[in-house]
Amino acid sequence: MQVLRKPHLDGVRHTLCYVSATTDYGLFYEASIELQVHGYIDADWASSISYKGSTSGFMFSFGSATITWNSKKQPTVALSSTEAEYRGAGMAACEVAWLRKLLGDLGLHVDRQVVIYCDNLSSIQLARNPVFHARTKHIEVHYHFLREKVLACQIDFIYVSTEDQVADIFTKVLGAEKHCRFRNILGVMELELSLKGSVEMSSSTRADTHDVHG
């Protein structure tokens, strides 16, 4: 953000207005929901106007609500949407490895494959294919980590349509209806316990305070 302009300020104001209006919202975890890990991964290819970089986003839920999420610009320019999605999936695979280790340390062993929903069929096929095609040799070697996890049956990718791609909320601007729908899927809802602070005191509180100082 070296050259700030009015659109950047408008974006900040829009964000602050949203935060101010949703201070009563939080993640709600239902006790009756089966505890399984699943996630969504998405990448917005060449979304950066300045340097044509891509933005990756993923989220993982445990039970009824999200426990980890990420939205980050990719460090290098992807040459295709498949590469951008595959790079993002590599980040998500690292997160799965960390989650499995963390939950195992807490005594909650993840024995099943962690399902990750992706809306790019090419990247799914690339992750499942043990033969590295010549046209994809420019993808860095450390992204083979993703394929190793697929072959080890620790994670699996399942196609989901763009209309149901929850990770879109981390990579692009959405309309109000889709934003609220995806927010609900993340497990974010209005809670009875308010997160807002207040400087106002009731009359009884003021009286108690006066008695203490008196």
N, C-alpha and C. Protein backbone atom coordinates (compact mmCIF):
# COMPACT_ATOMS: atom_id res chain seq x y z
N MET A 1 0.85 -1.19 0.00
CA MET A 1 0.00 0.00 0.00
C MET A 1 0.88 1.24 0.00
N GLN A 2 1.65 1.42 -1.05
CA GLN A 2 2.57 2.55 -1.13
C GLN A 2 1.89 3.79 -1.68
N VAL A 3 0.89 3.62 -2.54
CA VAL A 3 0.18 4.77 -3.13
C VAL A 3 -1.29 4.64 -2.76
N LEU A 4 -1.65 5.26 -1.64
CA LEU A 4 -3.02 5.16 -1.15
C LEU A 4 -3.93 6.13 -1.89
N ARG A 5 -5.11 5.67 -2.22
CA ARG A 5 -6.09 6.48 -2.93
C ARG A 5 -7.45 6.34 -2.25
N LYS A 6 -8.42 7.08 -2.78
CA LYS A 6 -9.76 7.09 -2.18
C LYS A 6 -10.40 5.70 -2.14
N PRO A 7 -10.26 4.85 -3.17
CA PRO A 7 -10.85 3.51 -3.07
C PRO A 7 -10.33 2.71 -1.88
N HIS A 8 -9.05 2.92 -1.51
CA HIS A 8 -8.52 2.22 -0.34
C HIS A 8 -9.19 2.72 0.94
N LEU A 9 -9.40 4.03 1.04
CA LEU A 9 -10.06 4.59 2.20
C LEU A 9 -11.51 4.12 2.27
N ASP A 10 -12.16 4.05 1.11
CA ASP A 10 -13.54 3.55 1.09
C ASP A 10 -13.61 2.10 1.57
N GLY A 11 -12.61 1.31 1.18
CA GLY A 11 -12.56 -0.08 1.63
C GLY A 11 -12.40 -0.19 3.14
N VAL A 12 -11.53 0.67 3.71
CA VAL A 12 -11.33 0.68 5.16
C VAL A 12 -12.62 1.06 5.87
N ARG A 13 -13.30 2.10 5.36
CA ARG A 13 -14.56 2.53 5.99
C ARG A 13 -15.61 1.43 5.91
N HIS A 14 -15.68 0.75 4.77
CA HIS A 14 -16.65 -0.33 4.60
C HIS A 14 -16.38 -1.45 5.60
N THR A 15 -15.10 -1.78 5.79
CA THR A 15 -14.73 -2.83 6.73
C THR A 15 -15.09 -2.45 8.16
N LEU A 16 -14.78 -1.21 8.53
CA LEU A 16 -15.07 -0.74 9.88
C LEU A 16 -16.57 -0.71 10.16
N CYS A 17 -17.35 -0.33 9.15
CA CYS A 17 -18.81 -0.32 9.31
C CYS A 17 -19.33 -1.75 9.54
N TYR A 18 -18.77 -2.71 8.80
CA TYR A 18 -19.20 -4.11 8.96
C TYR A 18 -18.83 -4.63 10.35
N VAL A 19 -17.61 -4.35 10.78
CA VAL A 19 -17.17 -4.80 12.10
C VAL A 19 -18.03 -4.18 13.20
N SER A 20 -18.34 -2.89 13.05
CA SER A 20 -19.16 -2.20 14.05
C SER A 20 -20.56 -2.79 14.13
N ALA A 21 -21.09 -3.25 12.99
CA ALA A 21 -22.46 -3.77 12.96
C ALA A 21 -22.55 -5.24 13.36
N THR A 22 -21.41 -5.93 13.50
CA THR A 22 -21.43 -7.37 13.79
C THR A 22 -20.66 -7.72 15.06
N THR A 23 -20.57 -6.78 16.00
CA THR A 23 -19.85 -7.06 17.24
C THR A 23 -20.56 -8.10 18.11
N ASP A 24 -21.84 -8.37 17.84
CA ASP A 24 -22.58 -9.38 18.59
C ASP A 24 -22.43 -10.77 17.97
N TYR A 25 -21.66 -10.90 16.89
CA TYR A 25 -21.51 -12.17 16.19
C TYR A 25 -20.26 -12.90 16.67
N GLY A 26 -20.33 -14.23 16.63
CA GLY A 26 -19.19 -15.05 17.01
C GLY A 26 -19.36 -16.47 16.52
N LEU A 27 -18.36 -17.31 16.73
CA LEU A 27 -18.41 -18.70 16.32
C LEU A 27 -19.18 -19.51 17.37
N PHE A 28 -20.13 -20.31 16.89
CA PHE A 28 -20.95 -21.12 17.79
C PHE A 28 -20.72 -22.59 17.49
N TYR A 29 -20.30 -23.35 18.51
CA TYR A 29 -20.01 -24.77 18.36
C TYR A 29 -21.10 -25.59 19.06
N GLU A 30 -21.82 -26.37 18.27
CA GLU A 30 -22.90 -27.19 18.83
C GLU A 30 -22.33 -28.50 19.37
N ALA A 31 -22.76 -28.87 20.57
CA ALA A 31 -22.25 -30.07 21.22
C ALA A 31 -22.73 -31.34 20.53
N SER A 32 -23.88 -31.28 19.86
CA SER A 32 -24.48 -32.49 19.28
C SER A 32 -23.92 -32.84 17.90
N ILE A 33 -23.10 -31.98 17.31
CA ILE A 33 -22.57 -32.22 15.97
C ILE A 33 -21.36 -33.15 16.04
N GLU A 34 -21.29 -34.11 15.09
CA GLU A 34 -20.16 -35.02 15.04
C GLU A 34 -18.87 -34.25 14.73
N LEU A 35 -17.82 -34.60 15.46
CA LEU A 35 -16.56 -33.87 15.34
C LEU A 35 -15.73 -34.43 14.19
N GLN A 36 -15.88 -33.83 13.01
CA GLN A 36 -15.09 -34.19 11.84
C GLN A 36 -14.46 -32.94 11.27
N VAL A 37 -13.27 -33.12 10.70
CA VAL A 37 -12.56 -32.01 10.07
C VAL A 37 -12.84 -32.03 8.57
N HIS A 38 -13.25 -30.89 8.04
CA HIS A 38 -13.37 -30.73 6.58
C HIS A 38 -13.11 -29.27 6.25
N GLY A 39 -12.79 -29.02 5.00
CA GLY A 39 -12.42 -27.64 4.64
C GLY A 39 -12.75 -27.29 3.21
N TYR A 40 -12.51 -26.02 2.89
CA TYR A 40 -12.69 -25.47 1.55
C TYR A 40 -11.43 -24.72 1.16
N ILE A 41 -11.06 -24.80 -0.12
CA ILE A 41 -9.89 -24.09 -0.62
C ILE A 41 -10.25 -23.38 -1.92
N ASP A 42 -9.80 -22.14 -2.06
CA ASP A 42 -10.09 -21.38 -3.28
C ASP A 42 -8.94 -20.42 -3.54
N ALA A 43 -8.77 -20.05 -4.80
CA ALA A 43 -7.77 -19.06 -5.18
C ALA A 43 -8.36 -18.14 -6.24
N ASP A 44 -8.12 -16.85 -6.08
CA ASP A 44 -8.57 -15.85 -7.05
C ASP A 44 -7.37 -15.51 -7.93
N TRP A 45 -7.33 -16.11 -9.12
CA TRP A 45 -6.16 -16.01 -9.99
C TRP A 45 -5.97 -14.58 -10.50
N ALA A 46 -4.72 -14.08 -10.38
CA ALA A 46 -4.33 -12.76 -10.89
C ALA A 46 -5.27 -11.66 -10.40
N SER A 47 -5.66 -11.74 -9.14
CA SER A 47 -6.60 -10.76 -8.60
C SER A 47 -5.96 -9.41 -8.30
N SER A 48 -4.63 -9.39 -8.13
CA SER A 48 -3.94 -8.14 -7.83
C SER A 48 -3.74 -7.34 -9.11
N ILE A 49 -4.25 -6.11 -9.12
CA ILE A 49 -4.13 -5.26 -10.31
C ILE A 49 -2.70 -4.80 -10.51
N SER A 50 -1.98 -4.60 -9.42
CA SER A 50 -0.64 -4.01 -9.52
C SER A 50 0.40 -5.00 -10.04
N TYR A 51 0.37 -6.26 -9.57
CA TYR A 51 1.42 -7.19 -10.01
C TYR A 51 0.87 -8.54 -10.48
N LYS A 52 -0.45 -8.64 -10.67
CA LYS A 52 -1.11 -9.84 -11.20
C LYS A 52 -0.89 -11.07 -10.33
N GLY A 53 -0.72 -10.87 -9.06
CA GLY A 53 -0.61 -12.00 -8.14
C GLY A 53 -1.98 -12.55 -7.79
N SER A 54 -1.99 -13.75 -7.22
CA SER A 54 -3.23 -14.42 -6.86
C SER A 54 -3.41 -14.41 -5.34
N THR A 55 -4.65 -14.55 -4.92
CA THR A 55 -4.97 -14.62 -3.50
C THR A 55 -5.55 -15.99 -3.18
N SER A 56 -4.99 -16.65 -2.17
CA SER A 56 -5.47 -17.96 -1.74
C SER A 56 -6.26 -17.81 -0.45
N GLY A 57 -7.25 -18.65 -0.30
CA GLY A 57 -8.03 -18.66 0.93
C GLY A 57 -8.49 -20.07 1.26
N PHE A 58 -8.44 -20.42 2.53
CA PHE A 58 -8.97 -21.72 2.94
C PHE A 58 -9.56 -21.61 4.33
N MET A 59 -10.39 -22.57 4.67
CA MET A 59 -10.96 -22.66 6.00
C MET A 59 -11.18 -24.12 6.35
N PHE A 60 -11.09 -24.45 7.63
CA PHE A 60 -11.36 -25.80 8.10
C PHE A 60 -12.30 -25.73 9.30
N SER A 61 -13.29 -26.59 9.26
CA SER A 61 -14.26 -26.68 10.35
C SER A 61 -14.05 -27.95 11.14
N PHE A 62 -14.37 -27.88 12.41
CA PHE A 62 -14.34 -29.04 13.29
C PHE A 62 -15.65 -29.07 14.03
N GLY A 63 -16.55 -29.93 13.56
CA GLY A 63 -17.90 -29.90 14.11
C GLY A 63 -18.74 -28.88 13.37
N SER A 64 -19.37 -28.00 14.11
CA SER A 64 -20.35 -27.08 13.52
C SER A 64 -19.77 -25.73 13.10
N ALA A 65 -18.52 -25.44 13.41
CA ALA A 65 -17.99 -24.11 13.12
C ALA A 65 -16.51 -24.19 12.74
N THR A 66 -16.03 -23.10 12.20
CA THR A 66 -14.66 -23.00 11.73
C THR A 66 -13.68 -22.93 12.90
N ILE A 67 -12.52 -23.59 12.73
CA ILE A 67 -11.48 -23.51 13.76
C ILE A 67 -10.21 -22.85 13.23
N THR A 68 -10.03 -22.82 11.91
CA THR A 68 -8.85 -22.16 11.35
C THR A 68 -9.18 -21.68 9.94
N TRP A 69 -8.63 -20.54 9.58
CA TRP A 69 -8.87 -19.97 8.25
C TRP A 69 -7.68 -19.10 7.86
N ASN A 70 -7.57 -18.82 6.56
CA ASN A 70 -6.43 -18.05 6.07
C ASN A 70 -6.79 -17.37 4.76
N SER A 71 -6.32 -16.17 4.59
CA SER A 71 -6.45 -15.43 3.33
C SER A 71 -5.12 -14.73 3.09
N LYS A 72 -4.45 -15.07 1.99
CA LYS A 72 -3.09 -14.58 1.80
C LYS A 72 -2.75 -14.45 0.32
N LYS A 73 -2.00 -13.40 0.00
CA LYS A 73 -1.49 -13.26 -1.37
C LYS A 73 -0.38 -14.27 -1.61
N GLN A 74 -0.39 -14.89 -2.77
CA GLN A 74 0.66 -15.85 -3.10
C GLN A 74 1.96 -15.10 -3.41
N PRO A 75 3.11 -15.63 -2.95
CA PRO A 75 4.38 -14.89 -3.09
C PRO A 75 4.89 -14.77 -4.52
N THR A 76 4.47 -15.69 -5.40
CA THR A 76 4.91 -15.64 -6.80
C THR A 76 3.71 -15.63 -7.72
N VAL A 77 3.91 -15.17 -8.95
CA VAL A 77 2.83 -15.06 -9.92
C VAL A 77 2.54 -16.43 -10.52
N ALA A 78 1.28 -16.85 -10.46
CA ALA A 78 0.87 -18.12 -11.06
C ALA A 78 0.56 -17.92 -12.54
N LEU A 79 0.95 -18.88 -13.36
CA LEU A 79 0.77 -18.76 -14.80
C LEU A 79 -0.59 -19.23 -15.28
N SER A 80 -1.37 -19.82 -14.39
CA SER A 80 -2.70 -20.29 -14.76
C SER A 80 -3.56 -20.39 -13.51
N SER A 81 -4.88 -20.50 -13.70
CA SER A 81 -5.77 -20.66 -12.56
C SER A 81 -5.53 -22.00 -11.87
N THR A 82 -5.15 -23.02 -12.64
CA THR A 82 -4.85 -24.32 -12.05
C THR A 82 -3.66 -24.22 -11.11
N GLU A 83 -2.62 -23.52 -11.55
CA GLU A 83 -1.44 -23.36 -10.69
C GLU A 83 -1.79 -22.58 -9.43
N ALA A 84 -2.59 -21.54 -9.57
CA ALA A 84 -2.98 -20.74 -8.41
C ALA A 84 -3.76 -21.60 -7.41
N GLU A 85 -4.69 -22.41 -7.92
CA GLU A 85 -5.47 -23.29 -7.04
C GLU A 85 -4.58 -24.35 -6.41
N TYR A 86 -3.63 -24.88 -7.18
CA TYR A 86 -2.75 -25.93 -6.67
C TYR A 86 -1.83 -25.39 -5.57
N ARG A 87 -1.34 -24.17 -5.76
CA ARG A 87 -0.52 -23.55 -4.72
C ARG A 87 -1.34 -23.35 -3.44
N GLY A 88 -2.56 -22.88 -3.60
CA GLY A 88 -3.43 -22.70 -2.44
C GLY A 88 -3.72 -24.02 -1.75
N ALA A 89 -3.92 -25.08 -2.55
CA ALA A 89 -4.17 -26.39 -1.97
C ALA A 89 -2.96 -26.90 -1.20
N GLY A 90 -1.76 -26.55 -1.67
CA GLY A 90 -0.55 -26.92 -0.94
C GLY A 90 -0.51 -26.29 0.44
N MET A 91 -0.92 -25.02 0.53
CA MET A 91 -1.01 -24.35 1.83
C MET A 91 -2.02 -25.05 2.73
N ALA A 92 -3.16 -25.44 2.13
CA ALA A 92 -4.20 -26.11 2.91
C ALA A 92 -3.72 -27.47 3.41
N ALA A 93 -2.93 -28.18 2.60
CA ALA A 93 -2.40 -29.48 3.01
C ALA A 93 -1.48 -29.34 4.22
N CYS A 94 -0.67 -28.28 4.23
CA CYS A 94 0.19 -28.02 5.39
C CYS A 94 -0.65 -27.76 6.64
N GLU A 95 -1.77 -27.05 6.46
CA GLU A 95 -2.65 -26.76 7.58
C GLU A 95 -3.29 -28.04 8.12
N VAL A 96 -3.64 -28.96 7.21
CA VAL A 96 -4.22 -30.23 7.63
C VAL A 96 -3.22 -31.03 8.46
N ALA A 97 -1.96 -31.06 8.01
CA ALA A 97 -0.93 -31.78 8.76
C ALA A 97 -0.78 -31.21 10.17
N TRP A 98 -0.83 -29.88 10.28
CA TRP A 98 -0.73 -29.24 11.60
C TRP A 98 -1.96 -29.54 12.45
N LEU A 99 -3.15 -29.51 11.84
CA LEU A 99 -4.38 -29.77 12.57
C LEU A 99 -4.41 -31.21 13.11
N ARG A 100 -4.01 -32.16 12.26
CA ARG A 100 -4.00 -33.56 12.70
C ARG A 100 -3.07 -33.74 13.90
N LYS A 101 -1.91 -33.09 13.85
CA LYS A 101 -0.95 -33.20 14.95
C LYS A 101 -1.51 -32.53 16.21
N LEU A 102 -2.10 -31.34 16.06
CA LEU A 102 -2.66 -30.62 17.21
C LEU A 102 -3.78 -31.40 17.86
N LEU A 103 -4.72 -31.89 17.05
CA LEU A 103 -5.86 -32.63 17.61
C LEU A 103 -5.39 -33.94 18.23
N GLY A 104 -4.35 -34.56 17.64
CA GLY A 104 -3.80 -35.77 18.23
C GLY A 104 -3.20 -35.51 19.60
N ASP A 105 -2.51 -34.38 19.75
CA ASP A 105 -1.95 -34.02 21.05
C ASP A 105 -3.03 -33.78 22.08
N LEU A 106 -4.22 -33.38 21.62
CA LEU A 106 -5.34 -33.14 22.53
C LEU A 106 -6.18 -34.39 22.78
N GLY A 107 -5.73 -35.50 22.19
CA GLY A 107 -6.44 -36.76 22.37
C GLY A 107 -7.57 -36.99 21.40
N LEU A 108 -7.67 -36.17 20.36
CA LEU A 108 -8.73 -36.30 19.35
C LEU A 108 -8.08 -36.73 18.04
N HIS A 109 -7.89 -38.00 17.85
CA HIS A 109 -7.18 -38.51 16.68
C HIS A 109 -8.09 -38.49 15.45
N VAL A 110 -7.58 -37.95 14.35
CA VAL A 110 -8.32 -37.87 13.09
C VAL A 110 -7.94 -39.09 12.26
N ASP A 111 -8.82 -40.10 12.25
CA ASP A 111 -8.52 -41.35 11.55
C ASP A 111 -8.98 -41.33 10.10
N ARG A 112 -9.95 -40.50 9.79
CA ARG A 112 -10.49 -40.45 8.43
C ARG A 112 -9.71 -39.46 7.56
N GLN A 113 -9.91 -39.60 6.25
CA GLN A 113 -9.36 -38.60 5.34
C GLN A 113 -10.04 -37.26 5.60
N VAL A 114 -9.26 -36.20 5.56
CA VAL A 114 -9.82 -34.86 5.68
C VAL A 114 -10.27 -34.41 4.29
N VAL A 115 -11.55 -34.19 4.13
CA VAL A 115 -12.11 -33.79 2.84
C VAL A 115 -11.93 -32.29 2.65
N ILE A 116 -11.39 -31.92 1.49
CA ILE A 116 -11.22 -30.51 1.13
C ILE A 116 -12.00 -30.26 -0.16
N TYR A 117 -12.92 -29.31 -0.12
CA TYR A 117 -13.75 -29.00 -1.27
C TYR A 117 -13.07 -27.93 -2.13
N CYS A 118 -12.99 -28.21 -3.42
CA CYS A 118 -12.30 -27.32 -4.36
C CYS A 118 -13.16 -27.18 -5.61
N ASP A 119 -13.15 -25.99 -6.22
CA ASP A 119 -13.98 -25.76 -7.41
C ASP A 119 -13.16 -25.77 -8.70
N ASN A 120 -11.94 -26.33 -8.66
CA ASN A 120 -11.10 -26.40 -9.85
C ASN A 120 -10.75 -27.86 -10.13
N LEU A 121 -11.38 -28.44 -11.16
CA LEU A 121 -11.18 -29.85 -11.47
C LEU A 121 -9.75 -30.16 -11.88
N SER A 122 -9.09 -29.22 -12.57
CA SER A 122 -7.72 -29.46 -13.04
C SER A 122 -6.75 -29.65 -11.88
N SER A 123 -6.88 -28.81 -10.86
CA SER A 123 -5.98 -28.94 -9.70
C SER A 123 -6.27 -30.22 -8.92
N ILE A 124 -7.53 -30.65 -8.88
CA ILE A 124 -7.87 -31.91 -8.22
C ILE A 124 -7.22 -33.08 -8.94
N GLN A 125 -7.32 -33.09 -10.28
CA GLN A 125 -6.70 -34.15 -11.07
C GLN A 125 -5.18 -34.13 -10.93
N LEU A 126 -4.61 -32.94 -10.86
CA LEU A 126 -3.17 -32.82 -10.70
C LEU A 126 -2.72 -33.37 -9.36
N ALA A 127 -3.50 -33.14 -8.32
CA ALA A 127 -3.15 -33.65 -6.99
C ALA A 127 -3.26 -35.17 -6.91
N ARG A 128 -4.20 -35.73 -7.65
CA ARG A 128 -4.42 -37.18 -7.59
C ARG A 128 -3.54 -37.95 -8.56
N ASN A 129 -2.98 -37.29 -9.56
CA ASN A 129 -2.20 -37.96 -10.60
C ASN A 129 -0.75 -38.15 -10.13
N PRO A 130 -0.26 -39.40 -10.02
CA PRO A 130 1.12 -39.61 -9.56
C PRO A 130 2.17 -39.28 -10.61
N VAL A 131 1.75 -39.03 -11.85
CA VAL A 131 2.69 -38.69 -12.92
C VAL A 131 2.74 -37.18 -13.07
N PHE A 132 3.91 -36.58 -12.91
CA PHE A 132 4.06 -35.13 -13.00
C PHE A 132 4.20 -34.74 -14.47
N HIS A 133 3.24 -34.06 -15.01
CA HIS A 133 3.22 -33.71 -16.42
C HIS A 133 4.24 -32.63 -16.73
N ALA A 134 4.78 -32.67 -17.94
CA ALA A 134 5.82 -31.72 -18.34
C ALA A 134 5.32 -30.28 -18.29
N ARG A 135 4.05 -30.07 -18.54
CA ARG A 135 3.52 -28.70 -18.57
C ARG A 135 3.41 -28.09 -17.18
N THR A 136 3.59 -28.90 -16.15
CA THR A 136 3.48 -28.37 -14.78
C THR A 136 4.82 -28.41 -14.04
N LYS A 137 5.91 -28.54 -14.76
CA LYS A 137 7.22 -28.63 -14.11
C LYS A 137 7.63 -27.33 -13.44
N HIS A 138 7.01 -26.21 -13.83
CA HIS A 138 7.40 -24.93 -13.25
C HIS A 138 6.85 -24.76 -11.83
N ILE A 139 5.95 -25.65 -11.40
CA ILE A 139 5.44 -25.57 -10.04
C ILE A 139 6.51 -26.09 -9.09
N GLU A 140 6.78 -25.32 -8.03
CA GLU A 140 7.88 -25.64 -7.14
C GLU A 140 7.74 -27.04 -6.54
N VAL A 141 8.89 -27.63 -6.25
CA VAL A 141 8.93 -29.01 -5.77
C VAL A 141 8.22 -29.16 -4.43
N HIS A 142 8.26 -28.12 -3.57
CA HIS A 142 7.67 -28.31 -2.25
C HIS A 142 6.17 -28.46 -2.30
N TYR A 143 5.54 -28.17 -3.45
CA TYR A 143 4.10 -28.40 -3.55
C TYR A 143 3.78 -29.87 -3.80
N HIS A 144 4.81 -30.72 -3.99
CA HIS A 144 4.59 -32.16 -4.06
C HIS A 144 4.12 -32.69 -2.71
N PHE A 145 4.33 -31.91 -1.66
CA PHE A 145 3.83 -32.26 -0.33
C PHE A 145 2.35 -32.57 -0.38
N LEU A 146 1.62 -31.81 -1.18
CA LEU A 146 0.18 -32.00 -1.34
C LEU A 146 -0.11 -33.39 -1.88
N ARG A 147 0.59 -33.78 -2.94
CA ARG A 147 0.34 -35.07 -3.56
C ARG A 147 0.68 -36.22 -2.61
N GLU A 148 1.73 -36.05 -1.83
CA GLU A 148 2.11 -37.08 -0.87
C GLU A 148 0.99 -37.33 0.13
N LYS A 149 0.34 -36.27 0.59
CA LYS A 149 -0.75 -36.40 1.55
C LYS A 149 -1.96 -37.08 0.92
N VAL A 150 -2.19 -36.83 -0.38
CA VAL A 150 -3.30 -37.48 -1.08
C VAL A 150 -3.02 -38.97 -1.23
N LEU A 151 -1.80 -39.30 -1.66
CA LEU A 151 -1.44 -40.71 -1.84
C LEU A 151 -1.41 -41.46 -0.51
N ALA A 152 -1.13 -40.76 0.58
CA ALA A 152 -1.12 -41.39 1.91
C ALA A 152 -2.52 -41.48 2.50
N CYS A 153 -3.54 -41.04 1.74
CA CYS A 153 -4.94 -41.10 2.17
C CYS A 153 -5.19 -40.29 3.44
N GLN A 154 -4.43 -39.21 3.61
CA GLN A 154 -4.67 -38.32 4.74
C GLN A 154 -5.65 -37.20 4.38
N ILE A 155 -5.65 -36.80 3.11
CA ILE A 155 -6.60 -35.80 2.62
C ILE A 155 -7.17 -36.26 1.29
N ASP A 156 -8.32 -35.72 0.94
CA ASP A 156 -8.94 -36.02 -0.35
C ASP A 156 -9.64 -34.76 -0.84
N PHE A 157 -9.60 -34.55 -2.14
CA PHE A 157 -10.23 -33.38 -2.73
C PHE A 157 -11.54 -33.79 -3.41
N ILE A 158 -12.57 -33.01 -3.17
CA ILE A 158 -13.87 -33.23 -3.76
C ILE A 158 -14.32 -31.95 -4.45
N TYR A 159 -14.85 -32.10 -5.64
CA TYR A 159 -15.27 -30.92 -6.41
C TYR A 159 -16.54 -30.32 -5.81
N VAL A 160 -16.56 -29.00 -5.78
CA VAL A 160 -17.75 -28.26 -5.36
C VAL A 160 -17.94 -27.12 -6.34
N SER A 161 -19.18 -26.80 -6.66
CA SER A 161 -19.43 -25.71 -7.61
C SER A 161 -19.04 -24.37 -7.01
N THR A 162 -18.77 -23.42 -7.89
CA THR A 162 -18.38 -22.09 -7.44
C THR A 162 -19.46 -21.45 -6.58
N GLU A 163 -20.72 -21.77 -6.86
CA GLU A 163 -21.82 -21.20 -6.09
C GLU A 163 -21.81 -21.66 -4.64
N ASP A 164 -21.17 -22.80 -4.38
CA ASP A 164 -21.13 -23.35 -3.02
C ASP A 164 -19.72 -23.34 -2.45
N GLN A 165 -18.82 -22.57 -3.05
CA GLN A 165 -17.43 -22.52 -2.60
C GLN A 165 -17.30 -21.51 -1.45
N VAL A 166 -17.35 -22.03 -0.23
CA VAL A 166 -17.35 -21.18 0.95
C VAL A 166 -16.08 -20.35 1.07
N ALA A 167 -14.95 -20.88 0.59
CA ALA A 167 -13.68 -20.16 0.70
C ALA A 167 -13.65 -18.89 -0.14
N ASP A 168 -14.65 -18.69 -1.01
CA ASP A 168 -14.74 -17.44 -1.77
C ASP A 168 -14.80 -16.22 -0.86
N ILE A 169 -15.30 -16.42 0.35
CA ILE A 169 -15.45 -15.30 1.28
C ILE A 169 -14.09 -14.75 1.70
N PHE A 170 -13.02 -15.55 1.49
CA PHE A 170 -11.67 -15.11 1.86
C PHE A 170 -10.86 -14.59 0.68
N THR A 171 -11.41 -14.68 -0.54
CA THR A 171 -10.60 -14.31 -1.71
C THR A 171 -11.20 -13.21 -2.57
N LYS A 172 -12.47 -12.91 -2.40
CA LYS A 172 -13.09 -11.91 -3.29
C LYS A 172 -14.28 -11.24 -2.60
N VAL A 173 -14.73 -10.16 -3.21
CA VAL A 173 -15.91 -9.45 -2.70
C VAL A 173 -17.17 -10.18 -3.16
N LEU A 174 -18.06 -10.44 -2.23
CA LEU A 174 -19.29 -11.17 -2.52
C LEU A 174 -20.50 -10.28 -2.31
N GLY A 175 -21.59 -10.65 -2.95
CA GLY A 175 -22.85 -9.97 -2.71
C GLY A 175 -23.36 -10.27 -1.31
N ALA A 176 -24.29 -9.46 -0.84
CA ALA A 176 -24.79 -9.58 0.53
C ALA A 176 -25.40 -10.95 0.80
N GLU A 177 -26.19 -11.47 -0.15
CA GLU A 177 -26.88 -12.75 0.08
C GLU A 177 -25.88 -13.89 0.21
N LYS A 178 -24.91 -13.96 -0.72
CA LYS A 178 -23.92 -15.03 -0.67
C LYS A 178 -23.00 -14.88 0.53
N HIS A 179 -22.64 -13.65 0.86
CA HIS A 179 -21.77 -13.42 2.01
C HIS A 179 -22.43 -13.93 3.30
N CYS A 180 -23.70 -13.61 3.49
CA CYS A 180 -24.40 -14.05 4.70
C CYS A 180 -24.57 -15.57 4.72
N ARG A 181 -24.82 -16.16 3.55
CA ARG A 181 -24.98 -17.62 3.48
C ARG A 181 -23.68 -18.31 3.85
N PHE A 182 -22.56 -17.84 3.28
CA PHE A 182 -21.27 -18.45 3.58
C PHE A 182 -20.87 -18.19 5.03
N ARG A 183 -21.21 -17.03 5.55
CA ARG A 183 -20.90 -16.71 6.95
C ARG A 183 -21.61 -17.68 7.89
N ASN A 184 -22.84 -18.04 7.56
CA ASN A 184 -23.57 -19.00 8.37
C ASN A 184 -22.94 -20.38 8.32
N ILE A 185 -22.45 -20.77 7.13
CA ILE A 185 -21.79 -22.07 6.99
C ILE A 185 -20.51 -22.10 7.82
N LEU A 186 -19.83 -20.97 7.93
CA LEU A 186 -18.62 -20.90 8.74
C LEU A 186 -18.92 -21.08 10.22
N GLY A 187 -20.19 -20.97 10.59
CA GLY A 187 -20.55 -21.10 12.00
C GLY A 187 -20.60 -19.77 12.73
N VAL A 188 -20.58 -18.67 11.97
CA VAL A 188 -20.63 -17.33 12.58
C VAL A 188 -22.08 -16.90 12.67
N MET A 189 -22.53 -16.60 13.87
CA MET A 189 -23.92 -16.18 14.06
C MET A 189 -24.02 -15.20 15.22
N GLU A 190 -25.16 -14.55 15.30
CA GLU A 190 -25.37 -13.59 16.38
C GLU A 190 -25.57 -14.34 17.68
N LEU A 191 -24.81 -13.97 18.69
CA LEU A 191 -24.85 -14.64 19.98
C LEU A 191 -25.56 -13.78 21.02
N GLU A 192 -26.12 -14.46 22.00
CA GLU A 192 -26.80 -13.72 23.07
C GLU A 192 -25.80 -12.94 23.91
N LEU A 193 -24.60 -13.49 24.05
CA LEU A 193 -23.56 -12.81 24.82
C LEU A 193 -22.90 -11.78 23.92
N SER A 194 -23.08 -10.52 24.20
CA SER A 194 -22.54 -9.45 23.38
C SER A 194 -21.03 -9.31 23.58
N LEU A 195 -20.34 -9.01 22.49
CA LEU A 195 -18.91 -8.76 22.55
C LEU A 195 -18.61 -7.27 22.69
N LYS A 196 -19.65 -6.45 22.66
CA LYS A 196 -19.44 -5.01 22.74
C LYS A 196 -19.18 -4.58 24.17
N GLY A 197 -18.22 -3.71 24.33
CA GLY A 197 -17.97 -3.10 25.64
C GLY A 197 -18.85 -1.87 25.79
N SER A 198 -18.98 -1.38 27.01
CA SER A 198 -19.80 -0.21 27.24
C SER A 198 -19.20 0.61 28.37
N VAL A 199 -19.27 1.91 28.23
CA VAL A 199 -18.76 2.81 29.28
C VAL A 199 -19.88 3.26 30.20
N GLU A 200 -21.11 2.85 29.88
CA GLU A 200 -22.24 3.25 30.69
C GLU A 200 -22.40 2.32 31.88
N MET A 201 -22.78 2.86 33.02
CA MET A 201 -23.03 2.07 34.21
C MET A 201 -24.47 2.30 34.67
N SER A 202 -25.05 1.24 35.17
CA SER A 202 -26.41 1.38 35.69
C SER A 202 -26.39 2.19 36.98
N SER A 203 -27.57 2.61 37.44
CA SER A 203 -27.65 3.41 38.66
C SER A 203 -27.18 2.62 39.87
N SER A 204 -27.49 1.30 39.90
CA SER A 204 -27.06 0.48 41.04
C SER A 204 -25.55 0.32 41.05
N THR A 205 -24.95 0.20 39.87
CA THR A 205 -23.49 0.06 39.79
C THR A 205 -22.81 1.33 40.25
N ARG A 206 -23.37 2.49 39.85
CA ARG A 206 -22.81 3.77 40.26
C ARG A 206 -22.93 3.94 41.78
N ALA A 207 -24.05 3.47 42.36
CA ALA A 207 -24.24 3.58 43.80
C ALA A 207 -23.24 2.71 44.55
N ASP A 208 -23.01 1.48 44.04
CA ASP A 208 -22.04 0.57 44.68
C ASP A 208 -20.65 1.18 44.63
N THR A 209 -20.34 1.78 43.47
CA THR A 209 -19.02 2.38 43.31
C THR A 209 -18.84 3.56 44.26
N HIS A 210 -19.92 4.34 44.44
CA HIS A 210 -19.86 5.50 45.35
C HIS A 210 -19.67 5.03 46.79
N ASP A 211 -20.34 3.92 47.17
CA ASP A 211 -20.21 3.38 48.52
C ASP A 211 -18.77 2.93 48.80
N VAL A 212 -18.14 2.31 47.79
CA VAL A 212 -16.78 1.81 47.96
C VAL A 212 -15.82 2.97 48.17
N HIS A 213 -15.96 4.02 47.36
CA HIS A 213 -15.05 5.16 47.48
C HIS A 213 -15.42 6.07 48.63
N GLY A 214 -16.67 5.97 49.11
CA GLY A 214 -17.10 6.83 50.19
C GLY A 214 -16.48 6.42 51.51
